[in-house]
């Protein structure tokens, strides 16, 4: 998740800081068939006008959507005007600090399971991670422009890794990853997650086509177990 997306999600979640608005939101999402203004106002204990204000604000911020439907089930003359109903939108919000990326882990696990080529589960997971890493490395190299140098390639790789939640930073000739987006699972299944991370980063190096740099295990508490370093480093 890049900074702009994170800022947007935090701003949207901040809309729910108002207690009345929050109560209205949770009441609406508890009723998947849709809720009218009067019912919402009565349930939460506010005026219809105030409920309408907060509900429409939630629509404007993408947390709710509206539809118009007659609640009587009748149609034709005398059936009355369709009511404006509110229900949960399809928008997903997730903010975690430090960032977590279980979706990436699940995608790699699913890809490994679908491989079905007779390889062990760990080998299949490493292969899926390496394949994804290569594509990320190719993406970073394309963003680096024509004939990029090592520093430019590592800078673009940092951006790609940040989007995945790794919080990459330069440390002299190294590129360290300050965050493991799979924590705390990485603490419970260290060997599996670290091997997957290493394969992913080695794939990025391959896709970058960067000379004199390798991805290697360098585990330290509180950060990713992999570091990018000079290939001749001890």
Protein backbone atom coordinates (compact mmCIF):
# COMPACT_ATOMS: atom_id res chain seq x y z
CA UNK A 1 0.00 0.00 0.00
CA UNK A 2 1.54 3.33 -1.02
CA UNK A 3 1.40 6.48 1.12
CA UNK A 4 -1.47 8.05 -0.83
CA UNK A 5 -3.63 4.95 -0.44
CA UNK A 6 -2.77 4.70 3.26
CA UNK A 7 -3.68 8.36 3.78
CA UNK A 8 -6.99 7.85 1.98
CA UNK A 9 -7.90 4.79 4.05
CA UNK A 10 -7.04 6.53 7.32
CA UNK A 11 -9.11 9.56 6.30
CA UNK A 12 -12.08 7.33 5.46
CA UNK A 13 -11.84 5.44 8.72
CA UNK A 14 -11.68 8.77 10.55
CA UNK A 15 -15.23 9.42 9.31
CA UNK A 16 -16.35 6.76 11.81
CA UNK A 17 -14.81 8.66 14.73
CA UNK A 18 -18.15 10.45 15.24
CA UNK A 19 -20.12 8.17 17.64
CA UNK A 20 -23.52 8.84 16.05
CA UNK A 21 -22.19 8.18 12.58
CA UNK A 22 -20.47 5.03 13.80
CA UNK A 23 -23.68 3.70 15.39
CA UNK A 24 -25.60 4.38 12.19
CA UNK A 25 -22.96 2.63 10.11
CA UNK A 26 -22.93 -0.51 12.24
CA UNK A 27 -26.71 -0.63 12.29
CA UNK A 28 -26.89 -0.40 8.50
CA UNK A 29 -24.26 -3.11 7.93
CA UNK A 30 -26.16 -5.40 10.30
CA UNK A 31 -29.13 -5.24 7.91
CA UNK A 32 -27.98 -6.46 4.48
CA UNK A 33 -31.42 -5.87 2.94
CA UNK A 34 -31.07 -2.12 3.37
CA UNK A 35 -32.21 0.45 5.93
CA UNK A 36 -34.31 3.57 5.51
CA UNK A 37 -33.62 6.90 7.19
CA UNK A 38 -36.56 6.71 9.57
CA UNK A 39 -35.73 3.22 10.81
CA UNK A 40 -32.06 4.16 11.28
CA UNK A 41 -32.95 7.35 13.12
CA UNK A 42 -35.39 5.57 15.44
CA UNK A 43 -32.96 2.77 16.24
CA UNK A 44 -30.02 5.06 16.99
CA UNK A 45 -32.18 7.64 18.77
CA UNK A 46 -31.59 10.74 16.64
CA UNK A 47 -33.76 12.90 14.41
CA UNK A 48 -34.45 11.85 10.84
CA UNK A 49 -32.62 14.92 9.55
CA UNK A 50 -29.49 14.14 11.56
CA UNK A 51 -29.58 10.49 10.49
CA UNK A 52 -29.91 11.56 6.85
CA UNK A 53 -26.90 13.89 7.22
CA UNK A 54 -24.65 11.15 8.63
CA UNK A 55 -25.88 8.45 6.28
CA UNK A 56 -25.30 10.62 3.23
CA UNK A 57 -21.82 11.45 4.54
CA UNK A 58 -21.09 7.72 4.75
CA UNK A 59 -22.28 7.36 1.16
CA UNK A 60 -20.03 10.22 0.08
CA UNK A 61 -17.04 8.52 1.67
CA UNK A 62 -17.78 5.22 -0.03
CA UNK A 63 -18.72 3.23 3.08
CA UNK A 64 -22.42 2.93 2.17
CA UNK A 65 -24.39 2.82 -1.05
CA UNK A 66 -28.03 3.68 -1.71
CA UNK A 67 -30.89 2.16 -3.63
CA UNK A 68 -34.54 3.07 -4.08
CA UNK A 69 -37.17 0.42 -3.38
CA UNK A 70 -40.82 0.32 -2.34
CA UNK A 71 -41.05 -1.27 1.08
CA UNK A 72 -44.74 -2.20 0.74
CA UNK A 73 -44.15 -4.66 -2.09
CA UNK A 74 -46.91 -2.97 -4.08
CA UNK A 75 -46.50 -1.30 -7.45
CA UNK A 76 -48.54 1.00 -9.64
CA UNK A 77 -50.76 3.97 -8.65
CA UNK A 78 -51.17 4.36 -4.92
CA UNK A 79 -48.13 2.27 -4.06
CA UNK A 80 -46.23 5.29 -2.81
CA UNK A 81 -42.79 6.61 -3.68
CA UNK A 82 -39.79 4.28 -3.46
CA UNK A 83 -37.84 4.69 -0.23
CA UNK A 84 -34.16 5.59 -0.16
CA UNK A 85 -32.36 2.70 1.47
CA UNK A 86 -28.77 2.43 2.68
CA UNK A 87 -26.57 -0.65 2.78
CA UNK A 88 -22.92 -1.55 3.03
CA UNK A 89 -20.74 -0.80 0.01
CA UNK A 90 -18.26 -3.24 -1.50
CA UNK A 91 -15.32 -1.08 -0.46
CA UNK A 92 -12.77 -2.76 1.77
CA UNK A 93 -10.74 -0.87 4.34
CA UNK A 94 -7.77 -2.25 6.24
CA UNK A 95 -5.15 -0.21 8.05
CA UNK A 96 -2.38 -1.92 9.99
CA UNK A 97 0.65 -0.21 11.48
CA UNK A 98 3.16 -1.62 10.85
CA UNK A 99 1.76 -2.80 7.55
CA UNK A 100 0.70 -6.41 7.11
CA UNK A 101 0.12 -8.15 3.79
CA UNK A 102 -1.60 -11.46 4.43
CA UNK A 103 -3.29 -11.17 1.03
CA UNK A 104 0.10 -11.55 -0.65
CA UNK A 105 0.88 -14.59 1.50
CA UNK A 106 -2.49 -16.16 0.71
CA UNK A 107 -2.02 -15.52 -3.02
CA UNK A 108 1.36 -17.24 -2.99
CA UNK A 109 0.02 -20.18 -1.01
CA UNK A 110 -2.89 -20.57 -3.43
CA UNK A 111 -0.55 -20.41 -6.41
CA UNK A 112 1.67 -23.05 -4.85
CA UNK A 113 -1.30 -25.34 -4.23
CA UNK A 114 -2.53 -24.90 -7.79
CA UNK A 115 0.87 -25.74 -9.28
CA UNK A 116 0.27 -29.47 -8.97
CA UNK A 117 3.61 -30.40 -10.51
CA UNK A 118 4.69 -32.98 -7.96
CA UNK A 119 6.97 -30.61 -6.05
CA UNK A 120 6.80 -30.46 -2.27
CA UNK A 121 4.64 -27.75 -0.75
CA UNK A 122 7.70 -25.74 0.34
CA UNK A 123 9.32 -26.02 -3.07
CA UNK A 124 6.09 -24.97 -4.76
CA UNK A 125 5.74 -21.98 -2.43
CA UNK A 126 9.34 -20.91 -3.09
CA UNK A 127 8.79 -21.24 -6.83
CA UNK A 128 5.62 -19.14 -6.68
CA UNK A 129 7.42 -16.49 -4.60
CA UNK A 130 10.38 -16.41 -7.01
CA UNK A 131 8.05 -16.02 -9.99
CA UNK A 132 6.27 -13.11 -8.34
CA UNK A 133 9.61 -11.58 -7.39
CA UNK A 134 10.82 -11.69 -10.98
CA UNK A 135 7.70 -9.84 -12.13
CA UNK A 136 8.19 -7.21 -9.40
CA UNK A 137 11.83 -6.81 -10.39
CA UNK A 138 10.89 -6.36 -14.04
CA UNK A 139 8.34 -3.74 -13.00
CA UNK A 140 10.94 -1.87 -10.93
CA UNK A 141 13.49 -1.96 -13.76
CA UNK A 142 10.93 -0.59 -16.22
CA UNK A 143 10.22 2.28 -13.81
CA UNK A 144 13.94 3.04 -13.52
CA UNK A 145 14.17 4.35 -17.08
CA UNK A 146 16.76 3.65 -19.77
CA UNK A 147 20.18 2.32 -18.72
CA UNK A 148 19.66 2.71 -14.97
CA UNK A 149 22.54 2.43 -12.53
CA UNK A 150 22.65 0.36 -9.37
CA UNK A 151 21.41 3.16 -7.12
CA UNK A 152 18.46 3.90 -9.38
CA UNK A 153 17.50 0.23 -9.59
CA UNK A 154 17.66 -0.17 -5.81
CA UNK A 155 15.56 2.98 -5.38
CA UNK A 156 12.83 1.60 -7.64
CA UNK A 157 13.05 -1.78 -5.93
CA UNK A 158 12.55 0.03 -2.61
CA UNK A 159 9.34 1.57 -3.91
CA UNK A 160 7.99 -1.80 -5.06
CA UNK A 161 8.92 -3.39 -1.73
CA UNK A 162 7.30 -0.54 0.20
CA UNK A 163 4.05 -1.18 -1.66
CA UNK A 164 4.22 -4.78 -0.40
CA UNK A 165 4.79 -3.62 3.19
CA UNK A 166 8.51 -4.29 3.64
CA UNK A 167 9.57 -0.70 4.52
CA UNK A 168 12.83 -0.83 2.56
CA UNK A 169 15.69 1.51 3.45
CA UNK A 170 19.25 2.00 2.25
CA UNK A 171 22.01 1.21 4.71
CA UNK A 172 25.26 2.02 2.99
CA UNK A 173 25.73 -0.58 0.29
CA UNK A 174 22.78 -2.59 1.64
CA UNK A 175 19.04 -2.45 1.25
CA UNK A 176 17.38 -3.48 4.50
CA UNK A 177 13.73 -4.40 4.94
CA UNK A 178 12.59 -2.93 8.26
CA UNK A 179 9.24 -4.71 8.40
CA UNK A 180 8.01 -8.25 7.83
CA UNK A 181 4.49 -7.93 6.42
CA UNK A 182 3.74 -11.53 7.45
CA UNK A 183 4.33 -11.02 11.18
CA UNK A 184 3.35 -12.59 13.57
CA UNK A 185 2.97 -15.67 11.35
CA UNK A 186 6.64 -15.39 10.46
CA UNK A 187 7.46 -15.94 14.13
CA UNK A 188 5.42 -19.14 14.26
CA UNK A 189 6.48 -20.52 10.88
CA UNK A 190 9.89 -18.94 10.55
CA UNK A 191 11.52 -21.46 8.24
CA UNK A 192 8.63 -21.49 5.76
CA UNK A 193 8.12 -17.70 5.68
CA UNK A 194 11.83 -16.85 5.54
CA UNK A 195 12.45 -19.30 2.71
CA UNK A 196 9.52 -17.78 0.83
CA UNK A 197 10.84 -14.25 1.48
CA UNK A 198 14.29 -15.22 0.25
CA UNK A 199 12.87 -16.71 -2.95
CA UNK A 200 10.78 -13.58 -3.50
CA UNK A 201 13.77 -11.26 -3.07
CA UNK A 202 16.01 -13.43 -5.24
CA UNK A 203 13.34 -13.20 -7.90
CA UNK A 204 13.37 -9.41 -7.60
CA UNK A 205 17.15 -9.37 -8.10
CA UNK A 206 16.73 -11.53 -11.21
CA UNK A 207 13.99 -9.30 -12.59
CA UNK A 208 16.00 -6.16 -11.88
CA UNK A 209 19.01 -7.58 -13.75
CA UNK A 210 21.20 -5.73 -11.27
CA UNK A 211 24.88 -6.62 -11.18
CA UNK A 212 26.87 -7.12 -8.00
CA UNK A 213 23.82 -7.37 -5.69
CA UNK A 214 22.31 -10.45 -4.07
CA UNK A 215 19.46 -11.21 -1.70
CA UNK A 216 20.60 -13.15 1.36
CA UNK A 217 19.28 -14.24 4.71
CA UNK A 218 20.31 -11.89 7.51
CA UNK A 219 17.73 -12.36 10.26
CA UNK A 220 17.32 -9.77 12.99
CA UNK A 221 14.44 -9.36 15.46
CA UNK A 222 11.67 -7.03 14.36
CA UNK A 223 12.44 -6.90 10.63
CA UNK A 224 12.41 -9.03 7.49
CA UNK A 225 14.96 -11.84 7.45
CA UNK A 226 16.34 -10.90 4.00
CA UNK A 227 18.75 -8.13 3.03
CA UNK A 228 20.02 -6.93 -0.33
CA UNK A 229 23.80 -6.67 -0.24
CA UNK A 230 26.88 -6.64 -2.46
CA UNK A 231 27.38 -10.07 -3.96
CA UNK A 232 30.94 -10.22 -2.64
CA UNK A 233 29.96 -9.38 0.95
CA UNK A 234 30.83 -11.91 3.61
